[in-house]
Amino acid sequence: MRPPCEEIVQQLLPAFRSLVAKELIEKHRLSQTEAARRLGTTQATISHYLASKRGFKDSEKLRSIPGVMEAAVKVAKELVEEKSSRPEFTPNFCRVCAALRGVKNLCKV
């Protein structure tokens, strides 16, 4: 039996980061390299997010959950305005994670 946080880290965090990355690139017009820098990942990871090779299946699930897209938009905006750093990203994701734990069939919690 896996703990909920393991499920979240392996499946939902990449999906959420995918949503944030797409927001950074499509809405805020950042390059893949700049989006990667702000998210603390690599350009290759961002490329996978955009090509729907990583985080795609679960990002589609996340889009349908109230509040998740709003959180992704907020995180992206804060990263663009440099109001948020990676350590500040954690509490934002923890709030999303706590909300997701109440959603049936999203993860086994």
N, C-alpha and C. Protein backbone atom coordinates (compact mmCIF):
# COMPACT_ATOMS: atom_id res chain seq x y z
N MET A 1 0.85 -1.19 0.00
CA MET A 1 0.00 0.00 0.00
C MET A 1 0.89 1.25 0.00
N ARG A 2 0.63 2.12 -0.95
CA ARG A 2 1.43 3.34 -1.05
C ARG A 2 0.74 4.48 -0.32
N PRO A 3 1.51 5.32 0.34
CA PRO A 3 0.91 6.48 1.01
C PRO A 3 0.43 7.50 -0.02
N PRO A 4 -0.56 8.31 0.36
CA PRO A 4 -1.12 9.30 -0.57
C PRO A 4 -0.08 10.25 -1.16
N CYS A 5 0.87 10.67 -0.37
CA CYS A 5 1.86 11.62 -0.88
C CYS A 5 2.69 11.01 -2.00
N GLU A 6 2.97 9.71 -1.92
CA GLU A 6 3.73 9.06 -2.98
C GLU A 6 2.94 9.08 -4.29
N GLU A 7 1.67 8.78 -4.19
CA GLU A 7 0.79 8.81 -5.37
C GLU A 7 0.76 10.22 -5.98
N ILE A 8 0.63 11.20 -5.12
CA ILE A 8 0.58 12.59 -5.57
C ILE A 8 1.88 12.98 -6.27
N VAL A 9 3.01 12.66 -5.66
CA VAL A 9 4.31 13.04 -6.21
C VAL A 9 4.56 12.37 -7.55
N GLN A 10 4.21 11.11 -7.66
CA GLN A 10 4.51 10.37 -8.89
C GLN A 10 3.56 10.70 -10.03
N GLN A 11 2.32 11.01 -9.73
CA GLN A 11 1.35 11.20 -10.81
C GLN A 11 0.81 12.62 -10.92
N LEU A 12 0.39 13.19 -9.82
CA LEU A 12 -0.32 14.46 -9.90
C LEU A 12 0.59 15.68 -9.93
N LEU A 13 1.73 15.61 -9.27
CA LEU A 13 2.64 16.75 -9.31
C LEU A 13 3.14 17.00 -10.74
N PRO A 14 3.58 15.97 -11.48
CA PRO A 14 3.96 16.24 -12.87
C PRO A 14 2.81 16.80 -13.70
N ALA A 15 1.61 16.34 -13.44
CA ALA A 15 0.45 16.84 -14.18
C ALA A 15 0.19 18.31 -13.84
N PHE A 16 0.29 18.66 -12.57
CA PHE A 16 0.08 20.04 -12.17
C PHE A 16 1.19 20.93 -12.74
N ARG A 17 2.42 20.46 -12.67
CA ARG A 17 3.53 21.22 -13.24
C ARG A 17 3.35 21.40 -14.74
N SER A 18 2.78 20.40 -15.40
CA SER A 18 2.49 20.49 -16.83
C SER A 18 1.51 21.63 -17.09
N LEU A 19 0.48 21.73 -16.26
CA LEU A 19 -0.49 22.81 -16.42
C LEU A 19 0.17 24.17 -16.22
N VAL A 20 1.04 24.27 -15.21
CA VAL A 20 1.74 25.53 -14.95
C VAL A 20 2.67 25.86 -16.12
N ALA A 21 3.40 24.86 -16.61
CA ALA A 21 4.33 25.08 -17.72
C ALA A 21 3.59 25.57 -18.97
N LYS A 22 2.47 24.94 -19.27
CA LYS A 22 1.69 25.36 -20.44
C LYS A 22 1.18 26.79 -20.27
N GLU A 23 0.79 27.14 -19.07
CA GLU A 23 0.34 28.50 -18.79
C GLU A 23 1.49 29.50 -18.98
N LEU A 24 2.67 29.15 -18.49
CA LEU A 24 3.83 30.03 -18.62
C LEU A 24 4.17 30.29 -20.09
N ILE A 25 4.08 29.25 -20.89
CA ILE A 25 4.50 29.37 -22.29
C ILE A 25 3.40 29.95 -23.17
N GLU A 26 2.18 29.46 -23.00
CA GLU A 26 1.09 29.89 -23.88
C GLU A 26 0.55 31.27 -23.53
N LYS A 27 0.37 31.54 -22.26
CA LYS A 27 -0.22 32.82 -21.87
C LYS A 27 0.83 33.90 -21.65
N HIS A 28 1.92 33.53 -21.00
CA HIS A 28 2.93 34.52 -20.63
C HIS A 28 4.10 34.58 -21.61
N ARG A 29 4.07 33.74 -22.64
CA ARG A 29 5.04 33.77 -23.74
C ARG A 29 6.49 33.57 -23.29
N LEU A 30 6.71 32.77 -22.25
CA LEU A 30 8.07 32.46 -21.85
C LEU A 30 8.61 31.38 -22.78
N SER A 31 9.91 31.36 -22.95
CA SER A 31 10.54 30.28 -23.72
C SER A 31 10.53 29.01 -22.86
N GLN A 32 10.75 27.88 -23.49
CA GLN A 32 10.82 26.63 -22.74
C GLN A 32 11.96 26.69 -21.72
N THR A 33 13.06 27.28 -22.10
CA THR A 33 14.21 27.38 -21.20
C THR A 33 13.88 28.24 -19.99
N GLU A 34 13.22 29.37 -20.22
CA GLU A 34 12.86 30.26 -19.11
C GLU A 34 11.80 29.63 -18.22
N ALA A 35 10.82 28.97 -18.81
CA ALA A 35 9.80 28.27 -18.02
C ALA A 35 10.45 27.19 -17.16
N ALA A 36 11.40 26.48 -17.73
CA ALA A 36 12.12 25.44 -16.99
C ALA A 36 12.88 26.04 -15.82
N ARG A 37 13.55 27.16 -16.06
CA ARG A 37 14.31 27.81 -14.99
C ARG A 37 13.39 28.20 -13.84
N ARG A 38 12.27 28.78 -14.17
CA ARG A 38 11.36 29.25 -13.13
C ARG A 38 10.69 28.10 -12.38
N LEU A 39 10.47 26.98 -13.06
CA LEU A 39 9.88 25.82 -12.41
C LEU A 39 10.92 24.93 -11.74
N GLY A 40 12.19 25.21 -11.99
CA GLY A 40 13.25 24.41 -11.38
C GLY A 40 13.38 23.04 -12.01
N THR A 41 13.21 22.99 -13.32
CA THR A 41 13.32 21.73 -14.04
C THR A 41 14.15 21.96 -15.30
N THR A 42 14.10 21.03 -16.23
CA THR A 42 14.90 21.15 -17.45
C THR A 42 14.02 21.52 -18.64
N GLN A 43 14.66 22.04 -19.68
CA GLN A 43 13.95 22.36 -20.90
C GLN A 43 13.36 21.10 -21.51
N ALA A 44 14.06 19.98 -21.39
CA ALA A 44 13.56 18.71 -21.94
C ALA A 44 12.25 18.30 -21.26
N THR A 45 12.16 18.51 -19.96
CA THR A 45 10.93 18.20 -19.24
C THR A 45 9.79 19.07 -19.75
N ILE A 46 10.05 20.35 -19.93
CA ILE A 46 9.03 21.26 -20.45
C ILE A 46 8.59 20.81 -21.84
N SER A 47 9.53 20.41 -22.66
CA SER A 47 9.21 19.91 -24.00
C SER A 47 8.29 18.70 -23.92
N HIS A 48 8.56 17.80 -22.99
CA HIS A 48 7.70 16.63 -22.80
C HIS A 48 6.30 17.04 -22.35
N TYR A 49 6.21 18.02 -21.46
CA TYR A 49 4.90 18.51 -21.03
C TYR A 49 4.11 19.04 -22.23
N LEU A 50 4.76 19.84 -23.06
CA LEU A 50 4.08 20.46 -24.19
C LEU A 50 3.67 19.44 -25.25
N ALA A 51 4.45 18.39 -25.39
CA ALA A 51 4.14 17.34 -26.37
C ALA A 51 3.21 16.28 -25.78
N SER A 52 2.76 16.52 -24.56
CA SER A 52 1.85 15.59 -23.85
C SER A 52 2.47 14.21 -23.67
N LYS A 53 3.78 14.17 -23.49
CA LYS A 53 4.46 12.90 -23.23
C LYS A 53 4.64 12.66 -21.74
N ARG A 54 4.46 13.69 -20.94
CA ARG A 54 4.64 13.56 -19.50
C ARG A 54 3.56 14.38 -18.81
N GLY A 55 2.87 13.75 -17.87
CA GLY A 55 1.86 14.46 -17.09
C GLY A 55 0.54 14.68 -17.80
N PHE A 56 0.40 14.21 -19.05
CA PHE A 56 -0.79 14.54 -19.84
C PHE A 56 -2.05 13.88 -19.32
N LYS A 57 -2.02 12.57 -19.11
CA LYS A 57 -3.23 11.84 -18.73
C LYS A 57 -3.85 12.44 -17.46
N ASP A 58 -3.02 12.66 -16.47
CA ASP A 58 -3.54 13.19 -15.22
C ASP A 58 -3.82 14.69 -15.30
N SER A 59 -3.16 15.41 -16.20
CA SER A 59 -3.46 16.85 -16.31
C SER A 59 -4.87 17.05 -16.85
N GLU A 60 -5.32 16.14 -17.71
CA GLU A 60 -6.70 16.22 -18.21
C GLU A 60 -7.69 16.00 -17.06
N LYS A 61 -7.37 15.08 -16.16
CA LYS A 61 -8.22 14.87 -14.98
C LYS A 61 -8.22 16.12 -14.10
N LEU A 62 -7.04 16.68 -13.91
CA LEU A 62 -6.93 17.84 -13.03
C LEU A 62 -7.71 19.04 -13.54
N ARG A 63 -7.72 19.24 -14.85
CA ARG A 63 -8.44 20.38 -15.43
C ARG A 63 -9.92 20.40 -15.03
N SER A 64 -10.49 19.21 -14.83
CA SER A 64 -11.92 19.13 -14.54
C SER A 64 -12.25 19.37 -13.07
N ILE A 65 -11.25 19.47 -12.23
CA ILE A 65 -11.49 19.64 -10.80
C ILE A 65 -11.51 21.13 -10.46
N PRO A 66 -12.59 21.58 -9.83
CA PRO A 66 -12.69 23.00 -9.49
C PRO A 66 -11.49 23.48 -8.67
N GLY A 67 -10.96 24.60 -9.07
CA GLY A 67 -9.88 25.22 -8.32
C GLY A 67 -8.48 24.87 -8.80
N VAL A 68 -8.33 23.77 -9.51
CA VAL A 68 -6.99 23.34 -9.92
C VAL A 68 -6.42 24.27 -10.99
N MET A 69 -7.19 24.56 -12.03
CA MET A 69 -6.70 25.46 -13.08
C MET A 69 -6.44 26.84 -12.52
N GLU A 70 -7.31 27.28 -11.61
CA GLU A 70 -7.11 28.59 -10.99
C GLU A 70 -5.78 28.61 -10.23
N ALA A 71 -5.47 27.50 -9.54
CA ALA A 71 -4.21 27.41 -8.81
C ALA A 71 -3.03 27.42 -9.77
N ALA A 72 -3.14 26.70 -10.89
CA ALA A 72 -2.06 26.67 -11.89
C ALA A 72 -1.84 28.06 -12.47
N VAL A 73 -2.92 28.77 -12.76
CA VAL A 73 -2.83 30.13 -13.29
C VAL A 73 -2.16 31.05 -12.27
N LYS A 74 -2.54 30.90 -11.00
CA LYS A 74 -1.97 31.74 -9.94
C LYS A 74 -0.48 31.47 -9.78
N VAL A 75 -0.10 30.20 -9.76
CA VAL A 75 1.31 29.86 -9.61
C VAL A 75 2.11 30.40 -10.79
N ALA A 76 1.59 30.23 -12.01
CA ALA A 76 2.28 30.74 -13.20
C ALA A 76 2.45 32.25 -13.12
N LYS A 77 1.40 32.94 -12.73
CA LYS A 77 1.47 34.41 -12.62
C LYS A 77 2.52 34.83 -11.59
N GLU A 78 2.53 34.15 -10.45
CA GLU A 78 3.51 34.48 -9.41
C GLU A 78 4.94 34.20 -9.89
N LEU A 79 5.12 33.12 -10.64
CA LEU A 79 6.45 32.81 -11.17
C LEU A 79 6.88 33.85 -12.19
N VAL A 80 5.96 34.31 -13.03
CA VAL A 80 6.28 35.33 -14.03
C VAL A 80 6.63 36.65 -13.35
N GLU A 81 5.86 37.01 -12.35
CA GLU A 81 6.09 38.27 -11.64
C GLU A 81 7.22 38.13 -10.62
N GLU A 82 7.78 36.93 -10.54
CA GLU A 82 8.84 36.60 -9.59
C GLU A 82 8.44 36.91 -8.16
N LYS A 83 7.14 36.75 -7.88
CA LYS A 83 6.64 36.89 -6.52
C LYS A 83 6.76 35.56 -5.79
N SER A 84 6.99 34.51 -6.54
CA SER A 84 7.04 33.18 -5.96
C SER A 84 8.34 32.50 -6.38
N SER A 85 8.96 31.86 -5.42
CA SER A 85 10.14 31.05 -5.73
C SER A 85 9.75 29.60 -5.53
N ARG A 86 10.64 28.70 -5.85
CA ARG A 86 10.31 27.29 -5.69
C ARG A 86 9.91 26.94 -4.26
N PRO A 87 10.58 27.46 -3.23
CA PRO A 87 10.11 27.14 -1.87
C PRO A 87 8.68 27.64 -1.61
N GLU A 88 8.30 28.77 -2.20
CA GLU A 88 6.95 29.29 -2.02
C GLU A 88 5.93 28.52 -2.85
N PHE A 89 6.41 27.82 -3.88
CA PHE A 89 5.54 26.99 -4.71
C PHE A 89 4.97 25.84 -3.89
N THR A 90 5.74 25.35 -2.93
CA THR A 90 5.34 24.19 -2.14
C THR A 90 4.01 24.40 -1.41
N PRO A 91 3.82 25.48 -0.66
CA PRO A 91 2.52 25.65 0.00
C PRO A 91 1.35 25.73 -0.98
N ASN A 92 1.58 26.35 -2.14
CA ASN A 92 0.52 26.40 -3.15
C ASN A 92 0.14 25.00 -3.60
N PHE A 93 1.15 24.17 -3.87
CA PHE A 93 0.84 22.81 -4.29
C PHE A 93 0.24 22.01 -3.16
N CYS A 94 0.67 22.23 -1.93
CA CYS A 94 0.11 21.50 -0.79
C CYS A 94 -1.39 21.78 -0.65
N ARG A 95 -1.81 23.01 -0.93
CA ARG A 95 -3.24 23.32 -0.88
C ARG A 95 -3.99 22.56 -1.98
N VAL A 96 -3.41 22.51 -3.16
CA VAL A 96 -4.03 21.75 -4.25
C VAL A 96 -4.09 20.28 -3.88
N CYS A 97 -2.99 19.77 -3.35
CA CYS A 97 -2.91 18.36 -2.96
C CYS A 97 -3.98 18.02 -1.93
N ALA A 98 -4.14 18.87 -0.93
CA ALA A 98 -5.15 18.62 0.10
C ALA A 98 -6.54 18.58 -0.51
N ALA A 99 -6.80 19.46 -1.45
CA ALA A 99 -8.11 19.46 -2.12
C ALA A 99 -8.29 18.20 -2.95
N LEU A 100 -7.23 17.75 -3.61
CA LEU A 100 -7.31 16.57 -4.46
C LEU A 100 -7.57 15.30 -3.67
N ARG A 101 -7.08 15.25 -2.45
CA ARG A 101 -7.27 14.04 -1.66
C ARG A 101 -8.74 13.75 -1.40
N GLY A 102 -9.57 14.75 -1.52
CA GLY A 102 -11.00 14.55 -1.33
C GLY A 102 -11.74 14.12 -2.58
N VAL A 103 -11.05 14.07 -3.72
CA VAL A 103 -11.68 13.72 -4.99
C VAL A 103 -11.60 12.21 -5.19
N LYS A 104 -12.76 11.58 -5.33
CA LYS A 104 -12.81 10.13 -5.52
C LYS A 104 -12.20 9.75 -6.85
N ASN A 105 -11.58 8.60 -6.88
CA ASN A 105 -10.99 8.00 -8.08
C ASN A 105 -9.84 8.80 -8.68
N LEU A 106 -9.34 9.79 -7.98
CA LEU A 106 -8.19 10.52 -8.50
C LEU A 106 -6.91 9.89 -7.98
N CYS A 107 -6.89 9.61 -6.71
CA CYS A 107 -5.79 8.85 -6.14
C CYS A 107 -6.34 8.06 -4.97
N LYS A 108 -5.66 7.00 -4.64
CA LYS A 108 -6.12 6.13 -3.57
C LYS A 108 -5.68 6.71 -2.24
N VAL A 109 -6.57 7.42 -1.58
CA VAL A 109 -6.24 8.07 -0.32
C VAL A 109 -7.19 7.58 0.73
